[in-house]
């Protein structure tokens, strides 16, 4: 799997930040979160269309939380 994006984002409405990365392998995308120094699987998304929808929903949530 290849890292295609890494970023810091809010993980909840209480303003707690977390480190995230997105890995891609063919049509499979994995979203991982850094927890206590180890990457933990947060979500798996199949297909580019679903992935774009997933990211759009994530960005909308971040905006609602004040980012």
N, C-alpha and C. Protein backbone atom coordinates (compact mmCIF):
# COMPACT_ATOMS: atom_id res chain seq x y z
N UNK A 1 0.84 -1.18 0.00
CA UNK A 1 0.00 0.00 0.00
C UNK A 1 0.88 1.24 0.00
N UNK A 2 0.38 2.26 -0.65
CA UNK A 2 1.13 3.51 -0.81
C UNK A 2 0.40 4.63 -0.08
N UNK A 3 1.14 5.43 0.71
CA UNK A 3 0.54 6.58 1.39
C UNK A 3 0.24 7.65 0.36
N UNK A 4 -1.02 8.10 0.30
CA UNK A 4 -1.39 9.13 -0.66
C UNK A 4 -1.73 10.45 0.01
N UNK A 5 -1.93 10.43 1.34
CA UNK A 5 -2.27 11.66 2.05
C UNK A 5 -2.01 11.46 3.53
N UNK A 6 -1.47 12.49 4.18
CA UNK A 6 -1.28 12.47 5.63
C UNK A 6 -1.65 13.86 6.15
N UNK A 7 -2.34 13.91 7.28
CA UNK A 7 -2.83 15.20 7.76
C UNK A 7 -3.20 15.12 9.24
N UNK A 8 -3.37 16.29 9.84
CA UNK A 8 -3.87 16.41 11.20
C UNK A 8 -5.29 16.93 11.11
N UNK A 9 -6.19 16.34 11.87
CA UNK A 9 -7.59 16.76 11.84
C UNK A 9 -8.21 16.56 13.21
N UNK A 10 -9.37 17.18 13.40
CA UNK A 10 -10.10 16.95 14.63
C UNK A 10 -10.69 15.55 14.61
N UNK A 11 -10.63 14.88 15.77
CA UNK A 11 -11.23 13.55 15.85
C UNK A 11 -12.59 13.59 16.53
N UNK A 12 -12.92 14.73 17.15
CA UNK A 12 -14.24 14.88 17.76
C UNK A 12 -14.54 16.36 17.96
N UNK A 13 -15.72 16.67 18.43
CA UNK A 13 -16.15 18.06 18.59
C UNK A 13 -15.44 18.77 19.73
N UNK A 14 -14.78 18.06 20.60
CA UNK A 14 -14.11 18.69 21.75
C UNK A 14 -12.74 19.25 21.39
N UNK A 15 -12.45 19.34 20.11
CA UNK A 15 -11.22 19.96 19.61
C UNK A 15 -9.97 19.11 19.84
N UNK A 16 -10.12 17.80 20.00
CA UNK A 16 -8.97 16.90 20.10
C UNK A 16 -8.45 16.61 18.70
N UNK A 17 -7.16 16.83 18.50
CA UNK A 17 -6.57 16.60 17.19
C UNK A 17 -5.93 15.22 17.12
N UNK A 18 -5.89 14.68 15.91
CA UNK A 18 -5.26 13.38 15.69
C UNK A 18 -4.54 13.39 14.35
N UNK A 19 -3.54 12.54 14.25
CA UNK A 19 -2.80 12.38 12.99
C UNK A 19 -3.44 11.25 12.19
N UNK A 20 -3.67 11.51 10.92
CA UNK A 20 -4.28 10.52 10.03
C UNK A 20 -3.41 10.32 8.80
N UNK A 21 -3.55 9.16 8.18
CA UNK A 21 -2.94 8.93 6.88
C UNK A 21 -3.89 8.05 6.06
N UNK A 22 -3.79 8.21 4.75
CA UNK A 22 -4.61 7.42 3.84
C UNK A 22 -3.69 6.61 2.95
N UNK A 23 -3.92 5.32 2.89
CA UNK A 23 -3.14 4.40 2.08
C UNK A 23 -4.01 3.89 0.94
N UNK A 24 -3.38 3.67 -0.22
CA UNK A 24 -4.12 3.17 -1.38
C UNK A 24 -3.43 1.94 -1.95
N UNK A 25 -4.24 0.97 -2.33
CA UNK A 25 -3.78 -0.23 -3.02
C UNK A 25 -4.84 -0.59 -4.04
N UNK A 26 -4.56 -0.32 -5.32
CA UNK A 26 -5.54 -0.55 -6.39
C UNK A 26 -6.79 0.29 -6.09
N UNK A 27 -7.93 -0.36 -5.88
CA UNK A 27 -9.19 0.34 -5.64
C UNK A 27 -9.58 0.34 -4.16
N UNK A 28 -8.64 0.02 -3.29
CA UNK A 28 -8.91 -0.05 -1.85
C UNK A 28 -8.17 1.09 -1.14
N UNK A 29 -8.89 1.81 -0.30
CA UNK A 29 -8.31 2.91 0.47
C UNK A 29 -8.46 2.60 1.95
N UNK A 30 -7.39 2.83 2.72
CA UNK A 30 -7.45 2.64 4.16
C UNK A 30 -7.15 3.96 4.85
N UNK A 31 -7.99 4.31 5.81
CA UNK A 31 -7.77 5.49 6.63
C UNK A 31 -7.27 4.99 7.98
N UNK A 32 -6.10 5.49 8.38
CA UNK A 32 -5.50 5.07 9.65
C UNK A 32 -5.28 6.28 10.54
N UNK A 33 -5.34 6.05 11.84
CA UNK A 33 -5.15 7.09 12.84
C UNK A 33 -3.98 6.68 13.75
N UNK A 34 -3.15 7.65 14.10
CA UNK A 34 -2.01 7.39 14.98
C UNK A 34 -2.50 7.37 16.43
N UNK A 35 -2.40 6.20 17.08
CA UNK A 35 -2.86 6.03 18.45
C UNK A 35 -1.72 5.47 19.28
N UNK A 36 -1.29 6.23 20.27
CA UNK A 36 -0.19 5.81 21.16
C UNK A 36 1.04 5.34 20.40
N UNK A 37 1.37 6.06 19.32
CA UNK A 37 2.57 5.76 18.55
C UNK A 37 2.43 4.67 17.51
N UNK A 38 1.23 4.11 17.34
CA UNK A 38 1.02 3.05 16.34
C UNK A 38 -0.16 3.43 15.45
N UNK A 39 -0.06 3.08 14.17
CA UNK A 39 -1.14 3.35 13.23
C UNK A 39 -2.24 2.31 13.41
N UNK A 40 -3.46 2.79 13.58
CA UNK A 40 -4.62 1.93 13.80
C UNK A 40 -5.63 2.16 12.67
N UNK A 41 -6.19 1.08 12.14
CA UNK A 41 -7.15 1.18 11.05
C UNK A 41 -8.42 1.87 11.54
N UNK A 42 -8.79 2.93 10.87
CA UNK A 42 -9.99 3.71 11.20
C UNK A 42 -11.15 3.33 10.28
N UNK A 43 -10.85 3.14 9.00
CA UNK A 43 -11.89 2.86 8.00
C UNK A 43 -11.26 2.28 6.75
N UNK A 44 -12.05 1.51 5.99
CA UNK A 44 -11.65 1.00 4.68
C UNK A 44 -12.73 1.38 3.69
N UNK A 45 -12.31 1.93 2.54
CA UNK A 45 -13.25 2.38 1.51
C UNK A 45 -12.86 1.71 0.20
N UNK A 46 -13.84 1.16 -0.50
CA UNK A 46 -13.61 0.50 -1.79
C UNK A 46 -14.00 1.43 -2.94
N UNK A 47 -13.10 1.64 -3.88
CA UNK A 47 -13.41 2.40 -5.10
C UNK A 47 -13.17 3.89 -4.96
N UNK A 48 -12.69 4.49 -6.05
CA UNK A 48 -12.36 5.91 -6.05
C UNK A 48 -13.59 6.78 -5.82
N UNK A 49 -14.72 6.42 -6.42
CA UNK A 49 -15.95 7.20 -6.26
C UNK A 49 -16.38 7.24 -4.80
N UNK A 50 -16.38 6.09 -4.15
CA UNK A 50 -16.74 6.03 -2.72
C UNK A 50 -15.73 6.78 -1.87
N UNK A 51 -14.45 6.71 -2.25
CA UNK A 51 -13.41 7.40 -1.50
C UNK A 51 -13.62 8.91 -1.57
N UNK A 52 -13.91 9.44 -2.77
CA UNK A 52 -14.15 10.88 -2.92
C UNK A 52 -15.34 11.32 -2.08
N UNK A 53 -16.39 10.51 -2.05
CA UNK A 53 -17.57 10.81 -1.23
C UNK A 53 -17.20 10.79 0.25
N UNK A 54 -16.40 9.82 0.67
CA UNK A 54 -15.95 9.70 2.06
C UNK A 54 -15.18 10.95 2.49
N UNK A 55 -14.24 11.39 1.64
CA UNK A 55 -13.43 12.57 1.96
C UNK A 55 -14.31 13.82 2.02
N UNK A 56 -15.24 13.96 1.10
CA UNK A 56 -16.15 15.12 1.09
C UNK A 56 -16.96 15.16 2.39
N UNK A 57 -17.47 14.02 2.82
CA UNK A 57 -18.23 13.97 4.08
C UNK A 57 -17.33 14.33 5.27
N UNK A 58 -16.08 13.86 5.25
CA UNK A 58 -15.13 14.16 6.31
C UNK A 58 -14.88 15.66 6.36
N UNK A 59 -14.61 16.27 5.20
CA UNK A 59 -14.33 17.71 5.15
C UNK A 59 -15.54 18.52 5.61
N UNK A 60 -16.74 18.08 5.27
CA UNK A 60 -17.96 18.76 5.71
C UNK A 60 -18.08 18.71 7.23
N UNK A 61 -17.79 17.56 7.81
CA UNK A 61 -17.83 17.42 9.27
C UNK A 61 -16.80 18.33 9.93
N UNK A 62 -15.60 18.40 9.38
CA UNK A 62 -14.55 19.26 9.93
C UNK A 62 -15.00 20.72 9.89
N UNK A 63 -15.64 21.14 8.80
CA UNK A 63 -16.14 22.51 8.68
C UNK A 63 -17.21 22.78 9.75
N UNK A 64 -18.09 21.81 9.97
CA UNK A 64 -19.14 21.96 10.98
C UNK A 64 -18.54 22.10 12.38
N UNK A 65 -17.40 21.47 12.60
CA UNK A 65 -16.73 21.56 13.90
C UNK A 65 -15.86 22.80 14.04
N UNK A 66 -15.78 23.60 12.99
CA UNK A 66 -15.07 24.87 13.08
C UNK A 66 -13.69 24.92 12.47
N UNK A 67 -13.34 23.98 11.61
CA UNK A 67 -12.03 24.00 10.95
C UNK A 67 -12.10 24.91 9.75
